[in-house]
Amino acid sequence: MKKLYSLAQIQKQNLIYWHTSYKTIRKYVDYYQHILKPIKTGKRSGSRYYIEEKNLKEFVRMFENNELNF
């Protein structure tokens, strides 16, 4: 079964350890959505983002190895 993380869980568990604010993590999800592949539920202010564990680990690995393209 796939493990999904909400952005709040990512922030609280420091899974993206180089940024700790929710707003910054949200910007990362918007900018790197081709890597993170977020699952978005809801609309407007009620929207929630969920990230699969494998995509999150791949993103962290790419960041640590300077493989992210801006």
PDB file of N, CA and C in Angstrom:
ATOM      1  N   MET A   1       0.838  -1.181   0.000  1.00  0.00           N
ATOM      2  CA  MET A   1       0.000   0.000   0.000  1.00  0.00           C
ATOM      3  C   MET A   1       0.884   1.246   0.000  1.00  0.00           C
ATOM      4  N   LYS A   2       0.457   2.241  -0.769  1.00  0.00           N
ATOM      5  CA  LYS A   2       1.224   3.474  -0.863  1.00  0.00           C
ATOM      6  C   LYS A   2       1.060   4.305   0.401  1.00  0.00           C
ATOM      7  N   LYS A   3       2.151   4.901   0.826  1.00  0.00           N
ATOM      8  CA  LYS A   3       2.094   5.810   1.977  1.00  0.00           C
ATOM      9  C   LYS A   3       2.005   7.228   1.432  1.00  0.00           C
ATOM     10  N   LEU A   4       1.014   7.969   1.893  1.00  0.00           N
ATOM     11  CA  LEU A   4       0.817   9.350   1.480  1.00  0.00           C
ATOM     12  C   LEU A   4       1.117  10.280   2.644  1.00  0.00           C
ATOM     13  N   TYR A   5       1.753  11.395   2.327  1.00  0.00           N
ATOM     14  CA  TYR A   5       2.041  12.422   3.325  1.00  0.00           C
ATOM     15  C   TYR A   5       1.318  13.700   2.931  1.00  0.00           C
ATOM     16  N   SER A   6       0.675  14.333   3.894  1.00  0.00           N
ATOM     17  CA  SER A   6       0.123  15.664   3.652  1.00  0.00           C
ATOM     18  C   SER A   6       1.261  16.672   3.843  1.00  0.00           C
ATOM     19  N   LEU A   7       1.047  17.892   3.393  1.00  0.00           N
ATOM     20  CA  LEU A   7       2.101  18.905   3.553  1.00  0.00           C
ATOM     21  C   LEU A   7       2.362  19.202   5.021  1.00  0.00           C
ATOM     22  N   ALA A   8       1.325  19.145   5.839  1.00  0.00           N
ATOM     23  CA  ALA A   8       1.511  19.370   7.278  1.00  0.00           C
ATOM     24  C   ALA A   8       2.377  18.271   7.892  1.00  0.00           C
ATOM     25  N   GLN A   9       2.185  17.028   7.465  1.00  0.00           N
ATOM     26  CA  GLN A   9       3.015  15.930   7.963  1.00  0.00           C
ATOM     27  C   GLN A   9       4.460  16.093   7.513  1.00  0.00           C
ATOM     28  N   ILE A  10       4.653  16.523   6.278  1.00  0.00           N
ATOM     29  CA  ILE A  10       6.010  16.742   5.764  1.00  0.00           C
ATOM     30  C   ILE A  10       6.709  17.803   6.600  1.00  0.00           C
ATOM     31  N   GLN A  11       5.976  18.858   6.952  1.00  0.00           N
ATOM     32  CA  GLN A  11       6.553  19.927   7.769  1.00  0.00           C
ATOM     33  C   GLN A  11       6.867  19.438   9.177  1.00  0.00           C
ATOM     34  N   LYS A  12       5.936  18.770   9.826  1.00  0.00           N
ATOM     35  CA  LYS A  12       6.120  18.349  11.218  1.00  0.00           C
ATOM     36  C   LYS A  12       7.203  17.295  11.373  1.00  0.00           C
ATOM     37  N   GLN A  13       7.339  16.421  10.381  1.00  0.00           N
ATOM     38  CA  GLN A  13       8.325  15.348  10.463  1.00  0.00           C
ATOM     39  C   GLN A  13       9.661  15.731   9.827  1.00  0.00           C
ATOM     40  N   ASN A  14       9.772  16.971   9.342  1.00  0.00           N
ATOM     41  CA  ASN A  14      10.995  17.478   8.700  1.00  0.00           C
ATOM     42  C   ASN A  14      11.480  16.560   7.583  1.00  0.00           C
ATOM     43  N   LEU A  15      10.568  16.113   6.732  1.00  0.00           N
ATOM     44  CA  LEU A  15      10.942  15.240   5.628  1.00  0.00           C
ATOM     45  C   LEU A  15      11.670  16.013   4.533  1.00  0.00           C
ATOM     46  N   ILE A  16      11.315  17.273   4.352  1.00  0.00           N
ATOM     47  CA  ILE A  16      12.118  18.184   3.531  1.00  0.00           C
ATOM     48  C   ILE A  16      12.854  19.036   4.556  1.00  0.00           C
ATOM     49  N   TYR A  17      13.980  18.547   4.996  1.00  0.00           N
ATOM     50  CA  TYR A  17      14.644  19.060   6.202  1.00  0.00           C
ATOM     51  C   TYR A  17      15.268  20.436   6.036  1.00  0.00           C
ATOM     52  N   TRP A  18      15.525  20.886   4.832  1.00  0.00           N
ATOM     53  CA  TRP A  18      16.193  22.174   4.661  1.00  0.00           C
ATOM     54  C   TRP A  18      15.205  23.336   4.724  1.00  0.00           C
ATOM     55  N   HIS A  19      13.898  23.066   4.727  1.00  0.00           N
ATOM     56  CA  HIS A  19      12.882  24.107   4.918  1.00  0.00           C
ATOM     57  C   HIS A  19      11.864  23.618   5.929  1.00  0.00           C
ATOM     58  N   THR A  20      11.483  24.490   6.827  1.00  0.00           N
ATOM     59  CA  THR A  20      10.567  24.072   7.881  1.00  0.00           C
ATOM     60  C   THR A  20       9.212  24.766   7.825  1.00  0.00           C
ATOM     61  N   SER A  21       9.043  25.785   7.003  1.00  0.00           N
ATOM     62  CA  SER A  21       7.755  26.481   6.980  1.00  0.00           C
ATOM     63  C   SER A  21       6.808  25.823   5.974  1.00  0.00           C
ATOM     64  N   TYR A  22       5.536  25.822   6.315  1.00  0.00           N
ATOM     65  CA  TYR A  22       4.505  25.229   5.466  1.00  0.00           C
ATOM     66  C   TYR A  22       4.451  25.944   4.122  1.00  0.00           C
ATOM     67  N   LYS A  23       4.560  27.264   4.156  1.00  0.00           N
ATOM     68  CA  LYS A  23       4.463  28.067   2.937  1.00  0.00           C
ATOM     69  C   LYS A  23       5.582  27.724   1.949  1.00  0.00           C
ATOM     70  N   THR A  24       6.786  27.539   2.434  1.00  0.00           N
ATOM     71  CA  THR A  24       7.912  27.198   1.572  1.00  0.00           C
ATOM     72  C   THR A  24       7.742  25.801   0.984  1.00  0.00           C
ATOM     73  N   ILE A  25       7.278  24.868   1.794  1.00  0.00           N
ATOM     74  CA  ILE A  25       7.052  23.512   1.294  1.00  0.00           C
ATOM     75  C   ILE A  25       5.969  23.528   0.217  1.00  0.00           C
ATOM     76  N   ARG A  26       4.947  24.336   0.409  1.00  0.00           N
ATOM     77  CA  ARG A  26       3.884  24.463  -0.597  1.00  0.00           C
ATOM     78  C   ARG A  26       4.438  25.013  -1.904  1.00  0.00           C
ATOM     79  N   LYS A  27       5.353  25.990  -1.829  1.00  0.00           N
ATOM     80  CA  LYS A  27       5.973  26.537  -3.036  1.00  0.00           C
ATOM     81  C   LYS A  27       6.816  25.478  -3.747  1.00  0.00           C
ATOM     82  N   TYR A  28       7.529  24.652  -2.979  1.00  0.00           N
ATOM     83  CA  TYR A  28       8.292  23.554  -3.571  1.00  0.00           C
ATOM     84  C   TYR A  28       7.369  22.595  -4.316  1.00  0.00           C
ATOM     85  N   VAL A  29       6.229  22.272  -3.722  1.00  0.00           N
ATOM     86  CA  VAL A  29       5.279  21.351  -4.359  1.00  0.00           C
ATOM     87  C   VAL A  29       4.757  21.946  -5.660  1.00  0.00           C
ATOM     88  N   ASP A  30       4.442  23.226  -5.669  1.00  0.00           N
ATOM     89  CA  ASP A  30       3.956  23.873  -6.884  1.00  0.00           C
ATOM     90  C   ASP A  30       5.030  23.919  -7.967  1.00  0.00           C
ATOM     91  N   TYR A  31       6.262  24.232  -7.595  1.00  0.00           N
ATOM     92  CA  TYR A  31       7.340  24.386  -8.570  1.00  0.00           C
ATOM     93  C   TYR A  31       7.846  23.045  -9.091  1.00  0.00           C
ATOM     94  N   TYR A  32       7.952  22.049  -8.219  1.00  0.00           N
ATOM     95  CA  TYR A  32       8.493  20.746  -8.602  1.00  0.00           C
ATOM     96  C   TYR A  32       7.401  19.686  -8.704  1.00  0.00           C
ATOM     97  N   GLN A  33       6.232  20.062  -9.195  1.00  0.00           N
ATOM     98  CA  GLN A  33       5.145  19.099  -9.270  1.00  0.00           C
ATOM     99  C   GLN A  33       5.406  17.992 -10.276  1.00  0.00           C
ATOM    100  N   HIS A  34       6.311  18.201 -11.224  1.00  0.00           N
ATOM    101  CA  HIS A  34       6.652  17.131 -12.165  1.00  0.00           C
ATOM    102  C   HIS A  34       7.446  16.016 -11.481  1.00  0.00           C
ATOM    103  N   ILE A  35       8.084  16.298 -10.354  1.00  0.00           N
ATOM    104  CA  ILE A  35       8.824  15.280  -9.594  1.00  0.00           C
ATOM    105  C   ILE A  35       7.963  14.752  -8.447  1.00  0.00           C
ATOM    106  N   LEU A  36       7.358  15.659  -7.692  1.00  0.00           N
ATOM    107  CA  LEU A  36       6.592  15.265  -6.507  1.00  0.00           C
ATOM    108  C   LEU A  36       5.231  14.658  -6.845  1.00  0.00           C
ATOM    109  N   LYS A  37       4.658  15.037  -7.981  1.00  0.00           N
ATOM    110  CA  LYS A  37       3.367  14.515  -8.441  1.00  0.00           C
ATOM    111  C   LYS A  37       2.305  14.550  -7.338  1.00  0.00           C
ATOM    112  N   PRO A  38       1.939  15.750  -6.879  1.00  0.00           N
ATOM    113  CA  PRO A  38       0.983  15.843  -5.771  1.00  0.00           C
ATOM    114  C   PRO A  38      -0.421  15.395  -6.166  1.00  0.00           C
ATOM    115  N   ILE A  39      -1.122  14.843  -5.205  1.00  0.00           N
ATOM    116  CA  ILE A  39      -2.531  14.510  -5.354  1.00  0.00           C
ATOM    117  C   ILE A  39      -3.286  15.629  -4.653  1.00  0.00           C
ATOM    118  N   LYS A  40      -4.070  16.390  -5.421  1.00  0.00           N
ATOM    119  CA  LYS A  40      -4.764  17.549  -4.858  1.00  0.00           C
ATOM    120  C   LYS A  40      -6.233  17.206  -4.660  1.00  0.00           C
ATOM    121  N   THR A  41      -6.733  17.502  -3.479  1.00  0.00           N
ATOM    122  CA  THR A  41      -8.148  17.309  -3.188  1.00  0.00           C
ATOM    123  C   THR A  41      -8.747  18.641  -2.781  1.00  0.00           C
ATOM    124  N   GLY A  42     -10.001  18.855  -3.101  1.00  0.00           N
ATOM    125  CA  GLY A  42     -10.679  20.090  -2.735  1.00  0.00           C
ATOM    126  C   GLY A  42     -10.378  21.222  -3.695  1.00  0.00           C
ATOM    127  N   LYS A  43     -10.987  22.355  -3.422  1.00  0.00           N
ATOM    128  CA  LYS A  43     -10.819  23.536  -4.267  1.00  0.00           C
ATOM    129  C   LYS A  43     -10.577  24.766  -3.401  1.00  0.00           C
ATOM    130  N   ARG A  44      -9.911  25.710  -3.963  1.00  0.00           N
ATOM    131  CA  ARG A  44      -9.624  27.005  -3.335  1.00  0.00           C
ATOM    132  C   ARG A  44      -9.014  26.858  -1.954  1.00  0.00           C
ATOM    133  N   SER A  45      -9.604  27.460  -0.943  1.00  0.00           N
ATOM    134  CA  SER A  45      -8.995  27.442   0.391  1.00  0.00           C
ATOM    135  C   SER A  45      -9.115  26.079   1.068  1.00  0.00           C
ATOM    136  N   GLY A  46      -9.968  25.207   0.544  1.00  0.00           N
ATOM    137  CA  GLY A  46     -10.136  23.878   1.133  1.00  0.00           C
ATOM    138  C   GLY A  46      -9.270  22.819   0.483  1.00  0.00           C
ATOM    139  N   SER A  47      -8.305  23.231  -0.330  1.00  0.00           N
ATOM    140  CA  SER A  47      -7.492  22.246  -1.045  1.00  0.00           C
ATOM    141  C   SER A  47      -6.434  21.629  -0.134  1.00  0.00           C
ATOM    142  N   ARG A  48      -6.171  20.368  -0.375  1.00  0.00           N
ATOM    143  CA  ARG A  48      -5.149  19.628   0.362  1.00  0.00           C
ATOM    144  C   ARG A  48      -4.239  18.942  -0.645  1.00  0.00           C
ATOM    145  N   TYR A  49      -2.975  18.857  -0.312  1.00  0.00           N
ATOM    146  CA  TYR A  49      -2.005  18.178  -1.158  1.00  0.00           C
ATOM    147  C   TYR A  49      -1.475  16.956  -0.432  1.00  0.00           C
ATOM    148  N   TYR A  50      -1.340  15.873  -1.166  1.00  0.00           N
ATOM    149  CA  TYR A  50      -0.759  14.643  -0.630  1.00  0.00           C
ATOM    150  C   TYR A  50       0.349  14.194  -1.569  1.00  0.00           C
ATOM    151  N   ILE A  51       1.464  13.759  -0.996  1.00  0.00           N
ATOM    152  CA  ILE A  51       2.634  13.331  -1.758  1.00  0.00           C
ATOM    153  C   ILE A  51       2.928  11.878  -1.406  1.00  0.00           C
ATOM    154  N   GLU A  52       3.186  11.062  -2.429  1.00  0.00           N
ATOM    155  CA  GLU A  52       3.560   9.671  -2.178  1.00  0.00           C
ATOM    156  C   GLU A  52       4.980   9.611  -1.624  1.00  0.00           C
ATOM    157  N   GLU A  53       5.221   8.637  -0.775  1.00  0.00           N
ATOM    158  CA  GLU A  53       6.521   8.487  -0.125  1.00  0.00           C
ATOM    159  C   GLU A  53       7.642   8.302  -1.141  1.00  0.00           C
ATOM    160  N   LYS A  54       7.423   7.494  -2.186  1.00  0.00           N
ATOM    161  CA  LYS A  54       8.487   7.246  -3.167  1.00  0.00           C
ATOM    162  C   LYS A  54       8.855   8.521  -3.922  1.00  0.00           C
ATOM    163  N   ASN A  55       7.872   9.366  -4.251  1.00  0.00           N
ATOM    164  CA  ASN A  55       8.157  10.625  -4.939  1.00  0.00           C
ATOM    165  C   ASN A  55       8.898  11.596  -4.027  1.00  0.00           C
ATOM    166  N   LEU A  56       8.540  11.601  -2.757  1.00  0.00           N
ATOM    167  CA  LEU A  56       9.206  12.473  -1.790  1.00  0.00           C
ATOM    168  C   LEU A  56      10.663  12.058  -1.603  1.00  0.00           C
ATOM    169  N   LYS A  57      10.902  10.760  -1.487  1.00  0.00           N
ATOM    170  CA  LYS A  57      12.278  10.271  -1.334  1.00  0.00           C
ATOM    171  C   LYS A  57      13.111  10.572  -2.570  1.00  0.00           C
ATOM    172  N   GLU A  58      12.515  10.439  -3.752  1.00  0.00           N
ATOM    173  CA  GLU A  58      13.222  10.748  -4.995  1.00  0.00           C
ATOM    174  C   GLU A  58      13.574  12.233  -5.055  1.00  0.00           C
ATOM    175  N   PHE A  59      12.659  13.098  -4.627  1.00  0.00           N
ATOM    176  CA  PHE A  59      12.910  14.531  -4.612  1.00  0.00           C
ATOM    177  C   PHE A  59      14.062  14.879  -3.677  1.00  0.00           C
ATOM    178  N   VAL A  60      14.068  14.308  -2.476  1.00  0.00           N
ATOM    179  CA  VAL A  60      15.141  14.567  -1.508  1.00  0.00           C
ATOM    180  C   VAL A  60      16.471  14.058  -2.053  1.00  0.00           C
ATOM    181  N   ARG A  61      16.463  12.887  -2.690  1.00  0.00           N
ATOM    182  CA  ARG A  61      17.688  12.336  -3.273  1.00  0.00           C
ATOM    183  C   ARG A  61      18.223  13.261  -4.368  1.00  0.00           C
ATOM    184  N   MET A  62      17.327  13.743  -5.228  1.00  0.00           N
ATOM    185  CA  MET A  62      17.745  14.646  -6.301  1.00  0.00           C
ATOM    186  C   MET A  62      18.290  15.955  -5.734  1.00  0.00           C
ATOM    187  N   PHE A  63      17.677  16.469  -4.676  1.00  0.00           N
ATOM    188  CA  PHE A  63      18.163  17.697  -4.050  1.00  0.00           C
ATOM    189  C   PHE A  63      19.560  17.492  -3.486  1.00  0.00           C
ATOM    190  N   GLU A  64      19.762  16.388  -2.778  1.00  0.00           N
ATOM    191  CA  GLU A  64      21.057  16.126  -2.147  1.00  0.00           C
ATOM    192  C   GLU A  64      22.169  15.922  -3.172  1.00  0.00           C
ATOM    193  N   ASN A  65      21.820  15.448  -4.362  1.00  0.00           N
ATOM    194  CA  ASN A  65      22.817  15.211  -5.407  1.00  0.00           C
ATOM    195  C   ASN A  65      22.864  16.325  -6.450  1.00  0.00           C
ATOM    196  N   ASN A  66      22.208  17.440  -6.169  1.00  0.00           N
ATOM    197  CA  ASN A  66      22.175  18.599  -7.075  1.00  0.00           C
ATOM    198  C   ASN A  66      21.687  18.231  -8.471  1.00  0.00           C
ATOM    199  N   GLU A  67      20.644  17.432  -8.550  1.00  0.00           N
ATOM    200  CA  GLU A  67      20.091  17.013  -9.831  1.00  0.00           C
ATOM    201  C   GLU A  67      18.802  17.741 -10.190  1.00  0.00           C
ATOM    202  N   LEU A  68      18.370  18.679  -9.371  1.00  0.00           N
ATOM    203  CA  LEU A  68      17.144  19.418  -9.663  1.00  0.00           C
ATOM    204  C   LEU A  68      17.433  20.499 -10.688  1.00  0.00           C
ATOM    205  N   ASN A  69      16.569  20.575 -11.700  1.00  0.00           N
ATOM    206  CA  ASN A  69      16.699  21.618 -12.711  1.00  0.00           C
ATOM    207  C   ASN A  69      15.705  22.717 -12.402  1.00  0.00           C
ATOM    208  N   PHE A  70      16.164  23.948 -12.434  1.00  0.00           N
ATOM    209  CA  PHE A  70      15.283  25.074 -12.113  1.00  0.00           C
ATOM    210  C   PHE A  70      14.601  25.586 -13.336  1.00  0.00           C
TER     211      PHE A  70
END
